[in-house]
Amino acid sequence: MARSLSAVTAVVLLAASMGCGSSSSPSSPGDAGDVLESGPATPGDGGALPADASYTIGDASVSASRFVTGVVSFTPGGCAGFGAASMPGIVEGPPVGGGTTHGSIDVVSLGNGGTIVVSFAPNAIVDGPGPDFIVSENPFWIAGNPSGVYAEPGEVSVSDDGVTWQTFPCTPTYDPSASDGTGTEPPYGSCAGWHIVYSSPANGISPLDPATAGGDAFDLADLGVTHARYVRIVDKTMEDCPDAGPGEPTSNGFDLDAVAIIHAEQP
């Protein structure tokens, strides 16, 4: 397992050293110097547009700062690694939902117990009527059965200063013998990662409409919070992570696709 973690950490640090605008120790969310920032790229290829640009989704122009604009820190857990070479761009920009039949591969896998902290600078989430932001993972219906969702739940927290966090109650039922292998079963409470993601730049479904976008929507009012600049996600699966050497899995745990702001400080 140590070999896998070292490899993933090396990828993140290499990205930082190659001009991504990060310090070599992204451990303080409140320090803007720790944020990895990507330059112009094509949505869906692991890159993202600059924060002051916009995406055309359907007939709408959506500011890039309505989505993740930087990764503050990434602490991978066991059997992580998928998508890490394309950080931070792969979690920036709009979701690339796969619908009911298959999960998106435009994701980074956190690994068992892994953690990621993201920011939206110069934007922020504000409390408005109903849900305020949506977290997109890549669940899908197992064998096309809507009652059998392949879900890798994650605990979601928010912060305005990157130091003090408020957490939505994520309460999966832990079952090591769960038939899908994730080690968890519903009910998931306020976890992310268990609702199908429908929105994608390819289909024009708005990523800002909780009624159609899919994913897991969160309301700051549920935590008594009115303003948040950071979102933290912690994997809550209990998947097997065998010590299989170089061939061990790299896609365990919560797979982050995107975070979209419904109610934003800046349009």
Protein backbone atom coordinates (compact mmCIF):
# COMPACT_ATOMS: atom_id res chain seq x y z
CA MET A 1 0.00 0.00 0.00
CA ALA A 2 2.86 2.39 0.77
CA ARG A 3 4.07 2.11 -2.80
CA SER A 4 0.70 3.21 -4.16
CA LEU A 5 0.40 6.19 -1.82
CA SER A 6 3.93 7.34 -2.60
CA ALA A 7 3.25 7.18 -6.32
CA VAL A 8 0.09 9.26 -6.06
CA THR A 9 1.74 11.84 -3.81
CA ALA A 10 4.60 12.10 -6.27
CA VAL A 11 2.17 12.85 -9.11
CA VAL A 12 0.56 15.69 -7.16
CA LEU A 13 3.90 17.20 -6.16
CA LEU A 14 5.22 16.85 -9.71
CA ALA A 15 2.21 18.75 -11.01
CA ALA A 16 2.91 21.49 -8.47
CA SER A 17 6.54 21.73 -9.53
CA MET A 18 5.64 22.11 -13.20
CA GLY A 19 4.15 25.58 -12.96
CA CYS A 20 0.67 24.91 -11.58
CA GLY A 21 0.91 27.77 -9.11
CA SER A 22 1.28 25.71 -5.94
CA SER A 23 3.65 25.49 -3.04
CA SER A 24 5.23 22.11 -2.39
CA SER A 25 3.17 21.50 0.75
CA PRO A 26 -0.54 22.07 0.04
CA SER A 27 -1.65 21.59 3.63
CA SER A 28 -3.13 24.93 4.65
CA PRO A 29 -6.49 25.60 2.95
CA GLY A 30 -6.45 29.21 4.10
CA ASP A 31 -3.24 29.94 2.20
CA ALA A 32 -4.02 30.91 -1.39
CA GLY A 33 -0.45 30.04 -2.34
CA ASP A 34 -1.28 26.38 -1.86
CA VAL A 35 -3.95 26.26 -4.54
CA LEU A 36 -3.15 24.38 -7.74
CA GLU A 37 -4.47 26.35 -10.70
CA SER A 38 -4.75 25.21 -14.31
CA GLY A 39 -4.49 27.24 -17.48
CA PRO A 40 -6.71 27.12 -20.59
CA ALA A 41 -7.67 23.67 -21.78
CA THR A 42 -10.56 21.76 -23.26
CA PRO A 43 -13.33 20.73 -20.84
CA GLY A 44 -13.50 16.98 -20.34
CA ASP A 45 -9.83 16.24 -21.10
CA GLY A 46 -8.54 16.77 -17.59
CA GLY A 47 -8.14 20.51 -18.10
CA ALA A 48 -10.34 23.52 -17.46
CA LEU A 49 -10.86 27.14 -18.43
CA PRO A 50 -9.41 30.01 -16.36
CA ALA A 51 -11.61 31.37 -13.58
CA ASP A 52 -12.40 34.55 -15.56
CA ALA A 53 -13.57 32.61 -18.64
CA SER A 54 -16.94 30.94 -19.25
CA TYR A 55 -18.36 27.67 -20.55
CA THR A 56 -21.12 27.42 -23.12
CA ILE A 57 -23.55 24.76 -21.90
CA GLY A 58 -26.62 24.40 -24.06
CA ASP A 59 -27.75 27.95 -24.78
CA ALA A 60 -26.22 29.36 -21.59
CA SER A 61 -22.86 30.95 -20.81
CA VAL A 62 -21.68 29.86 -17.36
CA SER A 63 -18.74 31.45 -15.55
CA ALA A 64 -15.86 29.06 -14.85
CA SER A 65 -15.87 30.31 -11.25
CA ARG A 66 -19.26 28.64 -10.71
CA PHE A 67 -17.17 25.46 -10.54
CA VAL A 68 -13.94 24.43 -8.82
CA THR A 69 -11.06 26.73 -9.80
CA GLY A 70 -8.34 25.22 -7.62
CA VAL A 71 -7.36 22.22 -5.54
CA VAL A 72 -6.14 23.37 -2.14
CA SER A 73 -5.03 19.95 -0.94
CA PHE A 74 -5.30 16.31 -1.94
CA THR A 75 -4.48 13.52 0.51
CA PRO A 76 -5.06 10.22 -1.28
CA GLY A 77 -6.08 7.11 0.62
CA GLY A 78 -5.30 3.48 -0.17
CA CYS A 79 -5.70 2.35 -3.77
CA ALA A 80 -6.08 5.89 -5.14
CA GLY A 81 -4.45 7.30 -8.25
CA PHE A 82 -6.96 7.30 -11.10
CA GLY A 83 -7.11 10.80 -12.59
CA ALA A 84 -4.34 12.19 -10.35
CA ALA A 85 -2.03 12.84 -13.28
CA SER A 86 -4.63 15.31 -14.64
CA MET A 87 -5.05 17.23 -11.39
CA PRO A 88 -6.21 19.90 -10.81
CA GLY A 89 -8.01 20.37 -14.13
CA ILE A 90 -9.88 17.10 -13.99
CA VAL A 91 -12.02 18.30 -11.04
CA GLU A 92 -12.42 21.84 -12.36
CA GLY A 93 -15.19 22.93 -14.72
CA PRO A 94 -18.65 21.40 -15.17
CA PRO A 95 -19.55 17.76 -14.52
CA VAL A 96 -19.22 15.20 -17.28
CA GLY A 97 -22.11 12.98 -16.21
CA GLY A 98 -22.44 9.46 -17.55
CA GLY A 99 -26.13 9.01 -16.74
CA THR A 100 -27.58 5.78 -15.41
CA THR A 101 -25.58 3.26 -17.42
CA HIS A 102 -21.99 4.13 -16.60
CA GLY A 103 -20.01 6.46 -14.37
CA SER A 104 -17.96 9.36 -15.68
CA ILE A 105 -14.22 8.79 -16.09
CA ASP A 106 -13.55 12.55 -15.86
CA VAL A 107 -12.79 12.08 -12.17
CA VAL A 108 -10.05 11.73 -9.56
CA SER A 109 -10.29 8.76 -7.18
CA LEU A 110 -9.69 9.71 -3.53
CA GLY A 111 -8.86 6.17 -2.38
CA ASN A 112 -10.03 4.63 0.89
CA GLY A 113 -10.40 7.49 3.39
CA GLY A 114 -8.82 10.01 1.02
CA THR A 115 -9.51 13.74 1.28
CA ILE A 116 -9.67 16.63 -1.18
CA VAL A 117 -10.22 20.35 -0.50
CA VAL A 118 -11.30 22.59 -3.39
CA SER A 119 -11.90 26.31 -3.86
CA PHE A 120 -13.83 28.56 -6.24
CA ALA A 121 -11.75 31.76 -6.12
CA PRO A 122 -12.61 34.50 -6.84
CA ASN A 123 -16.12 33.15 -6.23
CA ALA A 124 -17.84 31.63 -3.19
CA ILE A 125 -21.02 29.77 -2.27
CA VAL A 126 -23.74 31.82 -0.58
CA ASP A 127 -26.96 30.71 1.08
CA GLY A 128 -30.03 31.16 -1.08
CA PRO A 129 -33.46 29.53 -1.42
CA GLY A 130 -33.07 25.75 -1.49
CA PRO A 131 -29.83 23.93 -2.40
CA ASP A 132 -26.70 26.06 -2.83
CA PHE A 133 -24.22 23.70 -4.50
CA ILE A 134 -24.05 20.29 -6.16
CA VAL A 135 -21.31 17.66 -5.80
CA SER A 136 -20.97 15.26 -8.74
CA GLU A 137 -19.44 11.79 -8.43
CA ASN A 138 -19.92 8.86 -10.84
CA PRO A 139 -22.55 6.42 -9.50
CA PHE A 140 -24.51 4.25 -11.92
CA TRP A 141 -27.28 1.65 -11.94
CA ILE A 142 -25.89 -1.85 -11.56
CA ALA A 143 -27.14 -3.98 -14.49
CA GLY A 144 -29.61 -1.18 -15.29
CA ASN A 145 -31.46 -1.64 -12.00
CA PRO A 146 -32.53 1.72 -10.46
CA SER A 147 -32.78 0.01 -7.07
CA GLY A 148 -29.14 -1.07 -7.24
CA VAL A 149 -26.93 2.02 -7.40
CA TYR A 150 -23.18 1.58 -7.35
CA ALA A 151 -22.32 4.29 -4.82
CA GLU A 152 -19.05 5.33 -3.18
CA PRO A 153 -20.17 7.85 -0.55
CA GLY A 154 -18.20 10.87 0.59
CA GLU A 155 -18.58 13.22 3.54
CA VAL A 156 -18.98 16.89 2.52
CA SER A 157 -17.85 19.85 4.63
CA VAL A 158 -17.73 23.60 3.95
CA SER A 159 -15.55 26.40 5.27
CA ASP A 160 -15.16 30.13 4.73
CA ASP A 161 -11.59 30.40 6.02
CA GLY A 162 -10.19 26.93 5.31
CA VAL A 163 -9.67 26.34 9.03
CA THR A 164 -13.10 25.99 10.65
CA TRP A 165 -15.33 23.38 8.99
CA GLN A 166 -19.03 22.55 9.16
CA THR A 167 -19.96 19.01 8.06
CA PHE A 168 -23.09 17.54 6.50
CA PRO A 169 -24.05 14.26 8.24
CA CYS A 170 -22.87 11.40 6.03
CA THR A 171 -24.22 8.16 7.51
CA PRO A 172 -23.66 5.14 5.25
CA THR A 173 -24.31 1.70 6.65
CA TYR A 174 -20.99 -0.14 6.75
CA ASP A 175 -21.22 -3.68 5.43
CA PRO A 176 -17.95 -5.37 4.41
CA SER A 177 -20.00 -7.98 2.53
CA ALA A 178 -21.95 -5.43 0.45
CA SER A 179 -22.68 -7.03 -2.90
CA ASP A 180 -21.20 -4.15 -4.93
CA GLY A 181 -17.87 -4.33 -3.11
CA THR A 182 -17.88 -0.78 -1.75
CA GLY A 183 -18.35 -1.88 1.85
CA THR A 184 -21.33 0.46 2.26
CA GLU A 185 -25.09 0.30 1.94
CA PRO A 186 -27.86 2.93 2.11
CA PRO A 187 -29.22 4.96 3.78
CA TYR A 188 -26.48 7.47 3.08
CA GLY A 189 -27.97 10.54 4.75
CA SER A 190 -26.26 13.69 3.47
CA CYS A 191 -23.38 11.90 1.76
CA ALA A 192 -22.34 12.81 -1.77
CA GLY A 193 -21.79 10.14 -4.38
CA TRP A 194 -25.09 8.27 -4.57
CA HIS A 195 -27.28 10.20 -7.01
CA ILE A 196 -26.84 9.72 -10.76
CA VAL A 197 -25.17 12.63 -12.61
CA TYR A 198 -26.99 13.65 -15.79
CA SER A 199 -25.46 17.02 -16.69
CA SER A 200 -22.62 17.07 -19.21
CA PRO A 201 -21.29 19.67 -21.66
CA ALA A 202 -22.19 17.16 -24.38
CA ASN A 203 -25.93 17.11 -23.61
CA GLY A 204 -26.52 20.72 -22.57
CA ILE A 205 -28.28 19.85 -19.29
CA SER A 206 -27.62 22.70 -16.88
CA PRO A 207 -25.17 21.75 -14.11
CA LEU A 208 -26.74 24.47 -11.94
CA ASP A 209 -30.29 23.12 -11.85
CA PRO A 210 -30.72 20.59 -9.05
CA ALA A 211 -33.98 19.38 -10.63
CA THR A 212 -32.22 18.11 -13.77
CA ALA A 213 -28.45 18.07 -13.22
CA GLY A 214 -28.32 15.05 -10.94
CA GLY A 215 -25.56 14.67 -8.39
CA ASP A 216 -25.98 15.48 -4.72
CA ALA A 217 -27.26 18.94 -3.76
CA PHE A 218 -26.45 20.66 -0.46
CA ASP A 219 -28.03 23.60 1.35
CA LEU A 220 -25.78 25.80 3.52
CA ALA A 221 -28.80 26.65 5.67
CA ASP A 222 -28.83 23.06 6.94
CA LEU A 223 -25.56 23.88 8.73
CA GLY A 224 -26.40 27.46 9.69
CA VAL A 225 -23.77 28.70 7.21
CA THR A 226 -24.26 31.72 4.93
CA HIS A 227 -20.95 31.93 3.00
CA ALA A 228 -18.36 29.29 2.05
CA ARG A 229 -15.20 29.52 -0.05
CA TYR A 230 -14.04 25.92 0.34
CA VAL A 231 -15.54 22.44 0.08
CA ARG A 232 -13.89 19.36 1.56
CA ILE A 233 -14.78 15.78 0.63
CA VAL A 234 -13.65 12.74 2.63
CA ASP A 235 -14.14 9.24 1.24
CA LYS A 236 -16.37 7.06 3.43
CA THR A 237 -16.17 3.72 1.64
CA MET A 238 -14.70 0.52 3.05
CA GLU A 239 -13.55 -1.05 -0.20
CA ASP A 240 -11.00 -3.83 -0.30
CA CYS A 241 -7.53 -2.54 -1.05
CA PRO A 242 -5.33 -5.60 -1.62
CA ASP A 243 -1.55 -5.25 -1.48
CA ALA A 244 -1.05 -6.50 -5.01
CA GLY A 245 2.09 -4.54 -5.85
CA PRO A 246 2.23 -2.57 -9.12
CA GLY A 247 -1.08 -4.05 -10.29
CA GLU A 248 -3.14 -2.98 -7.29
CA PRO A 249 -6.35 -0.98 -7.90
CA THR A 250 -6.11 2.78 -8.40
CA SER A 251 -9.80 3.72 -8.49
CA ASN A 252 -11.01 2.98 -4.96
CA GLY A 253 -13.08 5.42 -2.98
CA PHE A 254 -15.06 8.54 -3.82
CA ASP A 255 -14.52 9.70 -7.43
CA LEU A 256 -14.84 13.49 -7.69
CA ASP A 257 -16.09 14.83 -11.01
CA ALA A 258 -17.13 18.41 -10.18
CA VAL A 259 -18.66 20.82 -7.69
CA ALA A 260 -21.10 23.41 -9.08
CA ILE A 261 -22.31 26.54 -7.28
CA ILE A 262 -26.06 27.16 -7.58
CA HIS A 263 -26.08 30.33 -5.46
CA ALA A 264 -22.85 32.19 -6.06
CA GLU A 265 -21.40 35.38 -4.63
CA GLN A 266 -20.48 36.39 -8.18
CA PRO A 267 -22.75 35.55 -11.17
